[in-house]
Amino acid sequence: MGEQRKIVDEAEARECLAAAARAGERLGPWARARGIDGRSLHAWQMNLSRRAGFGGRRESVSRASVHESPASLVELVPVTTARLPARYVVAVGPVSFEFGDDIREETLRRVLGVLRSC
């Protein structure tokens, strides 16, 4: 299966939604058959439906909303930022000790006692 293209603007979204409604087909199969990303088309449908006051229901967008200002769809892609665990280094002369937040307090006290004696 090739890459599906995304809907680029409100006018194209409205044309596609109207064509799918005229064809009496569900959006997913209609879009796939035409090389269109169904998720993109569905996102536009939800965006336009909410703006038209349908609260996200799967109804067609009213003709009255066609004359409203153009909408723009922002595709949000979750970005995970892997938080690296904090690392600490205690150095006394040529000897150093590296540890993280997960160190037990008892262990840290013992190591610091040894480093103090260096």
C-alpha atoms as a PDB file:
ATOM      1  CA  MET A   1       0.000   0.000   0.000  1.00  0.00           C
ATOM      2  CA  GLY A   2       1.488   3.350  -1.075  1.00  0.00           C
ATOM      3  CA  GLU A   3       1.649   6.463   1.035  1.00  0.00           C
ATOM      4  CA  GLN A   4      -1.639   8.317   1.240  1.00  0.00           C
ATOM      5  CA  ARG A   5      -1.669  12.076   0.707  1.00  0.00           C
ATOM      6  CA  LYS A   6      -3.073  14.422   3.342  1.00  0.00           C
ATOM      7  CA  ILE A   7      -5.853  16.940   2.805  1.00  0.00           C
ATOM      8  CA  VAL A   8      -4.148  20.317   2.370  1.00  0.00           C
ATOM      9  CA  ASP A   9      -6.887  22.858   3.151  1.00  0.00           C
ATOM     10  CA  GLU A  10     -10.503  23.420   4.095  1.00  0.00           C
ATOM     11  CA  ALA A  11     -11.719  23.724   0.497  1.00  0.00           C
ATOM     12  CA  GLU A  12     -10.258  20.336  -0.435  1.00  0.00           C
ATOM     13  CA  ALA A  13     -11.661  18.806   2.749  1.00  0.00           C
ATOM     14  CA  ARG A  14     -15.155  20.095   1.993  1.00  0.00           C
ATOM     15  CA  GLU A  15     -14.959  18.829  -1.610  1.00  0.00           C
ATOM     16  CA  CYS A  16     -13.886  15.371  -0.454  1.00  0.00           C
ATOM     17  CA  LEU A  17     -16.499  15.191   2.317  1.00  0.00           C
ATOM     18  CA  ALA A  18     -19.232  16.220  -0.113  1.00  0.00           C
ATOM     19  CA  ALA A  19     -18.056  13.702  -2.746  1.00  0.00           C
ATOM     20  CA  ALA A  20     -17.985  10.874  -0.192  1.00  0.00           C
ATOM     21  CA  ALA A  21     -21.482  11.833   0.988  1.00  0.00           C
ATOM     22  CA  ARG A  22     -22.780  11.907  -2.612  1.00  0.00           C
ATOM     23  CA  ALA A  23     -21.247   8.488  -3.211  1.00  0.00           C
ATOM     24  CA  GLY A  24     -22.909   7.202  -0.043  1.00  0.00           C
ATOM     25  CA  GLU A  25     -19.640   5.676   1.117  1.00  0.00           C
ATOM     26  CA  ARG A  26     -17.904   5.673   4.470  1.00  0.00           C
ATOM     27  CA  LEU A  27     -14.959   8.077   4.625  1.00  0.00           C
ATOM     28  CA  GLY A  28     -12.206   5.489   5.176  1.00  0.00           C
ATOM     29  CA  PRO A  29     -12.894   3.298   2.130  1.00  0.00           C
ATOM     30  CA  TRP A  30     -13.759   6.320  -0.034  1.00  0.00           C
ATOM     31  CA  ALA A  31     -10.479   8.048   0.863  1.00  0.00           C
ATOM     32  CA  ARG A  32      -8.313   4.919   0.441  1.00  0.00           C
ATOM     33  CA  ALA A  33      -9.749   4.282  -3.018  1.00  0.00           C
ATOM     34  CA  ARG A  34      -8.606   7.771  -4.029  1.00  0.00           C
ATOM     35  CA  GLY A  35      -5.141   7.767  -2.429  1.00  0.00           C
ATOM     36  CA  ILE A  36      -6.181  10.106   0.389  1.00  0.00           C
ATOM     37  CA  ASP A  37      -5.159   9.652   4.018  1.00  0.00           C
ATOM     38  CA  GLY A  38      -8.425   8.721   5.744  1.00  0.00           C
ATOM     39  CA  ARG A  39      -7.173  10.004   9.108  1.00  0.00           C
ATOM     40  CA  SER A  40      -6.505  13.406   7.584  1.00  0.00           C
ATOM     41  CA  LEU A  41      -9.978  13.533   6.026  1.00  0.00           C
ATOM     42  CA  HIS A  42     -11.622  12.344   9.244  1.00  0.00           C
ATOM     43  CA  ALA A  43      -9.710  14.992  11.252  1.00  0.00           C
ATOM     44  CA  TRP A  44     -11.018  17.659   8.888  1.00  0.00           C
ATOM     45  CA  GLN A  45     -14.549  16.271   9.250  1.00  0.00           C
ATOM     46  CA  MET A  46     -14.301  16.468  13.045  1.00  0.00           C
ATOM     47  CA  ASN A  47     -12.783  19.965  12.924  1.00  0.00           C
ATOM     48  CA  LEU A  48     -15.472  21.283  10.582  1.00  0.00           C
ATOM     49  CA  SER A  49     -18.277  19.515  12.446  1.00  0.00           C
ATOM     50  CA  ARG A  50     -17.206  21.014  15.756  1.00  0.00           C
ATOM     51  CA  ARG A  51     -17.028  24.456  14.214  1.00  0.00           C
ATOM     52  CA  ALA A  52     -20.470  23.975  12.690  1.00  0.00           C
ATOM     53  CA  GLY A  53     -21.826  23.106  16.145  1.00  0.00           C
ATOM     54  CA  PHE A  54     -22.343  19.387  15.679  1.00  0.00           C
ATOM     55  CA  GLY A  55     -20.167  18.509  18.660  1.00  0.00           C
ATOM     56  CA  GLY A  56     -18.106  15.979  16.698  1.00  0.00           C
ATOM     57  CA  ARG A  57     -20.995  13.737  15.591  1.00  0.00           C
ATOM     58  CA  ARG A  58     -20.615  12.049  12.213  1.00  0.00           C
ATOM     59  CA  GLU A  59     -22.948  14.392  10.365  1.00  0.00           C
ATOM     60  CA  SER A  60     -22.184  16.229   7.186  1.00  0.00           C
ATOM     61  CA  VAL A  61     -21.093  19.846   7.434  1.00  0.00           C
ATOM     62  CA  SER A  62     -23.890  22.300   6.760  1.00  0.00           C
ATOM     63  CA  ARG A  63     -23.769  24.463   3.620  1.00  0.00           C
ATOM     64  CA  ALA A  64     -24.129  27.589   5.806  1.00  0.00           C
ATOM     65  CA  SER A  65     -20.679  26.974   7.274  1.00  0.00           C
ATOM     66  CA  VAL A  66     -19.060  27.076   3.803  1.00  0.00           C
ATOM     67  CA  HIS A  67     -18.947  30.879   3.936  1.00  0.00           C
ATOM     68  CA  GLU A  68     -17.165  31.085   7.293  1.00  0.00           C
ATOM     69  CA  SER A  69     -13.529  32.063   7.463  1.00  0.00           C
ATOM     70  CA  PRO A  70     -11.152  29.328   6.318  1.00  0.00           C
ATOM     71  CA  ALA A  71     -10.089  26.849   8.943  1.00  0.00           C
ATOM     72  CA  SER A  72      -6.633  25.490   9.279  1.00  0.00           C
ATOM     73  CA  LEU A  73      -5.913  22.074  10.630  1.00  0.00           C
ATOM     74  CA  VAL A  74      -2.866  21.561  12.766  1.00  0.00           C
ATOM     75  CA  GLU A  75      -1.730  17.970  12.908  1.00  0.00           C
ATOM     76  CA  LEU A  76      -0.363  17.220  16.350  1.00  0.00           C
ATOM     77  CA  VAL A  77       2.302  14.563  16.526  1.00  0.00           C
ATOM     78  CA  PRO A  78       3.236  13.406  20.002  1.00  0.00           C
ATOM     79  CA  VAL A  79       6.887  13.891  20.760  1.00  0.00           C
ATOM     80  CA  THR A  80       8.368  11.903  23.556  1.00  0.00           C
ATOM     81  CA  THR A  81      11.347  13.424  25.189  1.00  0.00           C
ATOM     82  CA  ALA A  82      13.187  10.697  26.975  1.00  0.00           C
ATOM     83  CA  ARG A  83      14.244  12.176  30.245  1.00  0.00           C
ATOM     84  CA  LEU A  84      17.664  10.928  31.086  1.00  0.00           C
ATOM     85  CA  PRO A  85      18.169  10.044  34.716  1.00  0.00           C
ATOM     86  CA  ALA A  86      20.127  12.635  36.691  1.00  0.00           C
ATOM     87  CA  ARG A  87      23.765  11.717  37.208  1.00  0.00           C
ATOM     88  CA  TYR A  88      26.080  13.200  39.823  1.00  0.00           C
ATOM     89  CA  VAL A  89      29.868  12.943  40.191  1.00  0.00           C
ATOM     90  CA  VAL A  90      31.737  13.551  43.414  1.00  0.00           C
ATOM     91  CA  ALA A  91      35.471  13.865  42.860  1.00  0.00           C
ATOM     92  CA  VAL A  92      38.124  14.032  45.556  1.00  0.00           C
ATOM     93  CA  GLY A  93      41.571  14.287  44.026  1.00  0.00           C
ATOM     94  CA  PRO A  94      42.053  11.457  41.518  1.00  0.00           C
ATOM     95  CA  VAL A  95      39.105   9.445  42.902  1.00  0.00           C
ATOM     96  CA  SER A  96      35.561  10.052  41.684  1.00  0.00           C
ATOM     97  CA  PHE A  97      32.198   8.469  42.344  1.00  0.00           C
ATOM     98  CA  GLU A  98      29.236   8.723  39.957  1.00  0.00           C
ATOM     99  CA  PHE A  99      25.665   8.075  41.120  1.00  0.00           C
ATOM    100  CA  GLY A 100      22.037   8.857  40.304  1.00  0.00           C
ATOM    101  CA  ASP A 101      18.880   9.878  42.155  1.00  0.00           C
ATOM    102  CA  ASP A 102      18.113   6.220  42.773  1.00  0.00           C
ATOM    103  CA  ILE A 103      21.056   5.713  45.162  1.00  0.00           C
ATOM    104  CA  ARG A 104      20.189   4.626  48.688  1.00  0.00           C
ATOM    105  CA  GLU A 105      21.081   7.167  51.356  1.00  0.00           C
ATOM    106  CA  GLU A 106      22.961   4.549  53.372  1.00  0.00           C
ATOM    107  CA  THR A 107      25.170   3.708  50.371  1.00  0.00           C
ATOM    108  CA  LEU A 108      25.897   7.383  49.668  1.00  0.00           C
ATOM    109  CA  ARG A 109      26.944   7.951  53.291  1.00  0.00           C
ATOM    110  CA  ARG A 110      29.376   4.998  53.157  1.00  0.00           C
ATOM    111  CA  VAL A 111      30.928   6.130  49.867  1.00  0.00           C
ATOM    112  CA  LEU A 112      31.267   9.744  51.054  1.00  0.00           C
ATOM    113  CA  GLY A 113      32.989   8.438  54.208  1.00  0.00           C
ATOM    114  CA  VAL A 114      35.484   6.545  52.068  1.00  0.00           C
ATOM    115  CA  LEU A 115      36.077   9.544  49.769  1.00  0.00           C
ATOM    116  CA  ARG A 116      36.564  11.808  52.796  1.00  0.00           C
ATOM    117  CA  SER A 117      39.428   9.608  53.929  1.00  0.00           C
ATOM    118  CA  CYS A 118      41.243   9.991  50.568  1.00  0.00           C
END
